[in-house]
Amino acid sequence: MRAVLQRVSRAQVSVAGEVVGRCGPGLMILICAMQGDSDEAAAKVAAKIAKMRIFKDDQGKMNLSVRDVGGSALVISQFTLAADLRGNRPGFSTAAAPEEGKRLYELFAAHLAAEGVPVETGIFGADMAVELVNDGPVTIWIDSEAG
């Protein structure tokens, strides 16, 4: 699985003008299931994100996790993270098929919630409008295949 996470002051996602998910201080996570990803990959990435120390402690150092600060997460499916950029027009053939992508996206969100992080989501496959205030800015890319 591939993910881009951003430390945010707030974030929300809307579909057809209606807010369907939001978070306060915490993380906005774009997630993509890749071909061959397993249930274990969803669990591994969720656990890593829940424990990632990217929030400031009392000394201003990034030493706290989203759980440590009582933050929440907005999780949004983002198949374009699978982009193959060899040409001028990206291809997405390495993304998981839609049915499997949706299953793994929902599984990832469930694993993150099980790690103690309150989670809201977008709607898989919908045309979504995402708004966020990036805090820092802090933006990190994760690939389950990279360790």
C-alpha atoms as a PDB file:
ATOM      1  CA  MET A   1       0.000   0.000   0.000  1.00  0.00           C
ATOM      2  CA  ARG A   2       1.067   3.547  -0.615  1.00  0.00           C
ATOM      3  CA  ALA A   3       0.116   6.449   1.578  1.00  0.00           C
ATOM      4  CA  VAL A   4       0.752  10.155   1.782  1.00  0.00           C
ATOM      5  CA  LEU A   5       0.029  11.578   5.195  1.00  0.00           C
ATOM      6  CA  GLN A   6      -0.108  15.195   6.155  1.00  0.00           C
ATOM      7  CA  ARG A   7      -0.117  16.579   9.670  1.00  0.00           C
ATOM      8  CA  VAL A   8      -3.116  18.902   9.719  1.00  0.00           C
ATOM      9  CA  SER A   9      -4.826  21.428  11.932  1.00  0.00           C
ATOM     10  CA  ARG A  10      -8.055  20.356  10.246  1.00  0.00           C
ATOM     11  CA  ALA A  11      -9.260  18.595   7.107  1.00  0.00           C
ATOM     12  CA  GLN A  12     -12.524  17.693   5.461  1.00  0.00           C
ATOM     13  CA  VAL A  13     -13.781  15.919   2.374  1.00  0.00           C
ATOM     14  CA  SER A  14     -16.981  16.680   0.503  1.00  0.00           C
ATOM     15  CA  VAL A  15     -18.937  14.828  -2.162  1.00  0.00           C
ATOM     16  CA  ALA A  16     -21.474  16.788  -4.235  1.00  0.00           C
ATOM     17  CA  GLY A  17     -21.116  19.727  -1.832  1.00  0.00           C
ATOM     18  CA  GLU A  18     -21.849  17.675   1.299  1.00  0.00           C
ATOM     19  CA  VAL A  19     -19.150  17.080   3.934  1.00  0.00           C
ATOM     20  CA  VAL A  20     -18.786  13.307   4.352  1.00  0.00           C
ATOM     21  CA  GLY A  21     -15.700  13.186   6.588  1.00  0.00           C
ATOM     22  CA  ARG A  22     -13.515  15.478   8.666  1.00  0.00           C
ATOM     23  CA  CYS A  23     -10.844  15.561  11.318  1.00  0.00           C
ATOM     24  CA  GLY A  24      -9.530  18.137  13.728  1.00  0.00           C
ATOM     25  CA  PRO A  25      -5.856  18.221  14.636  1.00  0.00           C
ATOM     26  CA  GLY A  26      -4.290  15.026  13.358  1.00  0.00           C
ATOM     27  CA  LEU A  27      -3.634  13.402   9.997  1.00  0.00           C
ATOM     28  CA  MET A  28      -5.106  13.542   6.543  1.00  0.00           C
ATOM     29  CA  ILE A  29      -4.135  10.270   4.851  1.00  0.00           C
ATOM     30  CA  LEU A  30      -4.337   9.520   1.142  1.00  0.00           C
ATOM     31  CA  ILE A  31      -4.127   5.749   0.676  1.00  0.00           C
ATOM     32  CA  CYS A  32      -3.790   3.506  -2.389  1.00  0.00           C
ATOM     33  CA  ALA A  33      -3.985  -0.258  -2.543  1.00  0.00           C
ATOM     34  CA  MET A  34      -1.543  -1.669  -5.079  1.00  0.00           C
ATOM     35  CA  GLN A  35      -1.806  -4.931  -7.026  1.00  0.00           C
ATOM     36  CA  GLY A  36      -0.671  -7.776  -4.801  1.00  0.00           C
ATOM     37  CA  ASP A  37      -1.232  -5.924  -1.528  1.00  0.00           C
ATOM     38  CA  SER A  38      -2.369  -8.105   1.338  1.00  0.00           C
ATOM     39  CA  ASP A  39      -4.406  -7.675   4.484  1.00  0.00           C
ATOM     40  CA  GLU A  40      -1.082  -7.661   6.320  1.00  0.00           C
ATOM     41  CA  ALA A  41       0.075  -4.648   4.286  1.00  0.00           C
ATOM     42  CA  ALA A  42      -3.016  -2.699   5.411  1.00  0.00           C
ATOM     43  CA  ALA A  43      -2.339  -3.609   9.042  1.00  0.00           C
ATOM     44  CA  LYS A  44       1.386  -2.808   8.759  1.00  0.00           C
ATOM     45  CA  VAL A  45       0.855   0.664   7.278  1.00  0.00           C
ATOM     46  CA  ALA A  46      -1.906   1.484   9.780  1.00  0.00           C
ATOM     47  CA  ALA A  47       0.295   0.469  12.728  1.00  0.00           C
ATOM     48  CA  LYS A  48       3.257   2.452  11.388  1.00  0.00           C
ATOM     49  CA  ILE A  49       1.162   5.597  10.923  1.00  0.00           C
ATOM     50  CA  ALA A  50      -0.446   5.293  14.371  1.00  0.00           C
ATOM     51  CA  LYS A  51       3.009   5.123  15.992  1.00  0.00           C
ATOM     52  CA  MET A  52       4.806   7.656  13.771  1.00  0.00           C
ATOM     53  CA  ARG A  53       6.261  10.431  15.927  1.00  0.00           C
ATOM     54  CA  ILE A  54       5.571  13.532  13.832  1.00  0.00           C
ATOM     55  CA  PHE A  55       3.811  15.773  16.349  1.00  0.00           C
ATOM     56  CA  LYS A  56       5.661  18.273  18.520  1.00  0.00           C
ATOM     57  CA  ASP A  57       6.362  17.667  22.182  1.00  0.00           C
ATOM     58  CA  ASP A  58       6.738  20.409  24.823  1.00  0.00           C
ATOM     59  CA  GLN A  59      10.250  21.163  23.533  1.00  0.00           C
ATOM     60  CA  GLY A  60       9.026  21.602  19.958  1.00  0.00           C
ATOM     61  CA  LYS A  61      10.587  18.333  18.717  1.00  0.00           C
ATOM     62  CA  MET A  62       8.659  15.858  16.590  1.00  0.00           C
ATOM     63  CA  ASN A  63       8.450  13.210  19.281  1.00  0.00           C
ATOM     64  CA  LEU A  64       4.736  12.366  19.653  1.00  0.00           C
ATOM     65  CA  SER A  65       2.339  10.192  17.663  1.00  0.00           C
ATOM     66  CA  VAL A  66      -1.187  11.038  16.576  1.00  0.00           C
ATOM     67  CA  ARG A  67      -2.378   8.837  19.476  1.00  0.00           C
ATOM     68  CA  ASP A  68      -0.127  10.666  21.953  1.00  0.00           C
ATOM     69  CA  VAL A  69      -1.696  14.022  21.061  1.00  0.00           C
ATOM     70  CA  GLY A  70      -5.277  12.717  20.958  1.00  0.00           C
ATOM     71  CA  GLY A  71      -5.506  13.431  17.237  1.00  0.00           C
ATOM     72  CA  SER A  72      -7.793  11.936  14.625  1.00  0.00           C
ATOM     73  CA  ALA A  73      -7.460  10.932  10.983  1.00  0.00           C
ATOM     74  CA  LEU A  74      -9.282  11.576   7.738  1.00  0.00           C
ATOM     75  CA  VAL A  75      -8.610   8.664   5.360  1.00  0.00           C
ATOM     76  CA  ILE A  76      -9.217   9.153   1.636  1.00  0.00           C
ATOM     77  CA  SER A  77      -8.809   6.629  -1.179  1.00  0.00           C
ATOM     78  CA  GLN A  78      -6.341   7.885  -3.794  1.00  0.00           C
ATOM     79  CA  PHE A  79      -5.650   5.452  -6.655  1.00  0.00           C
ATOM     80  CA  THR A  80      -3.473   8.058  -8.403  1.00  0.00           C
ATOM     81  CA  LEU A  81      -0.683   7.257  -5.929  1.00  0.00           C
ATOM     82  CA  ALA A  82      -0.121   4.236  -8.191  1.00  0.00           C
ATOM     83  CA  ALA A  83       0.804   6.512 -11.105  1.00  0.00           C
ATOM     84  CA  ASP A  84       3.362   5.186 -13.561  1.00  0.00           C
ATOM     85  CA  LEU A  85       5.137   8.311 -14.809  1.00  0.00           C
ATOM     86  CA  ARG A  86       7.335   6.911 -17.573  1.00  0.00           C
ATOM     87  CA  GLY A  87       5.555   9.033 -20.173  1.00  0.00           C
ATOM     88  CA  ASN A  88       3.676  12.301 -20.126  1.00  0.00           C
ATOM     89  CA  ARG A  89       0.333  10.724 -19.305  1.00  0.00           C
ATOM     90  CA  PRO A  90       0.297   8.716 -16.072  1.00  0.00           C
ATOM     91  CA  GLY A  91      -0.955   5.147 -16.076  1.00  0.00           C
ATOM     92  CA  PHE A  92      -2.538   3.451 -13.090  1.00  0.00           C
ATOM     93  CA  SER A  93      -2.291  -0.232 -13.999  1.00  0.00           C
ATOM     94  CA  THR A  94      -0.362  -1.049 -10.807  1.00  0.00           C
ATOM     95  CA  ALA A  95      -3.286   0.002  -8.581  1.00  0.00           C
ATOM     96  CA  ALA A  96      -5.418  -2.792  -7.168  1.00  0.00           C
ATOM     97  CA  ALA A  97      -8.645  -3.544  -9.025  1.00  0.00           C
ATOM     98  CA  PRO A  98     -11.498  -1.363  -7.705  1.00  0.00           C
ATOM     99  CA  GLU A  99     -13.247  -4.077  -5.667  1.00  0.00           C
ATOM    100  CA  GLU A 100      -9.997  -5.154  -3.983  1.00  0.00           C
ATOM    101  CA  GLY A 101      -8.876  -1.529  -3.598  1.00  0.00           C
ATOM    102  CA  LYS A 102     -12.084  -0.664  -1.769  1.00  0.00           C
ATOM    103  CA  ARG A 103     -11.782  -3.693   0.508  1.00  0.00           C
ATOM    104  CA  LEU A 104      -8.182  -2.868   1.433  1.00  0.00           C
ATOM    105  CA  TYR A 105      -8.991   0.849   1.880  1.00  0.00           C
ATOM    106  CA  GLU A 106     -11.774  -0.020   4.318  1.00  0.00           C
ATOM    107  CA  LEU A 107      -9.547  -2.573   6.048  1.00  0.00           C
ATOM    108  CA  PHE A 108      -6.766   0.019   6.434  1.00  0.00           C
ATOM    109  CA  ALA A 109      -9.227   2.494   8.013  1.00  0.00           C
ATOM    110  CA  ALA A 110     -10.495  -0.220  10.378  1.00  0.00           C
ATOM    111  CA  HIS A 111      -6.933  -1.154  11.399  1.00  0.00           C
ATOM    112  CA  LEU A 112      -6.073   2.498  12.055  1.00  0.00           C
ATOM    113  CA  ALA A 113      -9.184   2.842  14.239  1.00  0.00           C
ATOM    114  CA  ALA A 114      -8.216  -0.367  16.070  1.00  0.00           C
ATOM    115  CA  GLU A 115      -4.845   1.285  16.785  1.00  0.00           C
ATOM    116  CA  GLY A 116      -6.747   3.906  18.811  1.00  0.00           C
ATOM    117  CA  VAL A 117      -6.995   6.670  16.219  1.00  0.00           C
ATOM    118  CA  PRO A 118     -10.495   8.098  15.599  1.00  0.00           C
ATOM    119  CA  VAL A 119     -11.085   7.766  11.832  1.00  0.00           C
ATOM    120  CA  GLU A 120     -13.431   9.321   9.319  1.00  0.00           C
ATOM    121  CA  THR A 121     -13.289   8.574   5.603  1.00  0.00           C
ATOM    122  CA  GLY A 122     -14.174   9.816   2.183  1.00  0.00           C
ATOM    123  CA  ILE A 123     -16.263   7.740  -0.230  1.00  0.00           C
ATOM    124  CA  PHE A 124     -14.336   5.226  -2.309  1.00  0.00           C
ATOM    125  CA  GLY A 125     -14.461   6.023  -6.018  1.00  0.00           C
ATOM    126  CA  ALA A 126     -16.349   9.299  -5.577  1.00  0.00           C
ATOM    127  CA  ASP A 127     -15.313  12.637  -7.034  1.00  0.00           C
ATOM    128  CA  MET A 128     -14.210  14.295  -3.792  1.00  0.00           C
ATOM    129  CA  ALA A 129     -13.221  17.819  -2.823  1.00  0.00           C
ATOM    130  CA  VAL A 130     -10.577  17.772  -0.088  1.00  0.00           C
ATOM    131  CA  GLU A 131      -9.741  20.781   2.072  1.00  0.00           C
ATOM    132  CA  LEU A 132      -6.981  20.847   4.639  1.00  0.00           C
ATOM    133  CA  VAL A 133      -4.717  23.092   6.643  1.00  0.00           C
ATOM    134  CA  ASN A 134      -1.290  21.443   6.578  1.00  0.00           C
ATOM    135  CA  ASP A 135       0.443  21.918   9.926  1.00  0.00           C
ATOM    136  CA  GLY A 136       4.176  22.475   9.601  1.00  0.00           C
ATOM    137  CA  PRO A 137       3.973  21.617   6.790  1.00  0.00           C
ATOM    138  CA  VAL A 138       4.647  17.969   7.474  1.00  0.00           C
ATOM    139  CA  THR A 139       4.012  15.572   4.583  1.00  0.00           C
ATOM    140  CA  ILE A 140       5.332  11.994   4.534  1.00  0.00           C
ATOM    141  CA  TRP A 141       5.138   9.249   1.891  1.00  0.00           C
ATOM    142  CA  ILE A 142       4.938   5.575   2.899  1.00  0.00           C
ATOM    143  CA  ASP A 143       5.132   2.412   0.807  1.00  0.00           C
ATOM    144  CA  SER A 144       4.512  -0.937   2.512  1.00  0.00           C
ATOM    145  CA  GLU A 145       6.985  -2.544   0.092  1.00  0.00           C
ATOM    146  CA  ALA A 146       9.769  -0.185   1.169  1.00  0.00           C
ATOM    147  CA  GLY A 147       9.800  -1.410   4.770  1.00  0.00           C
END
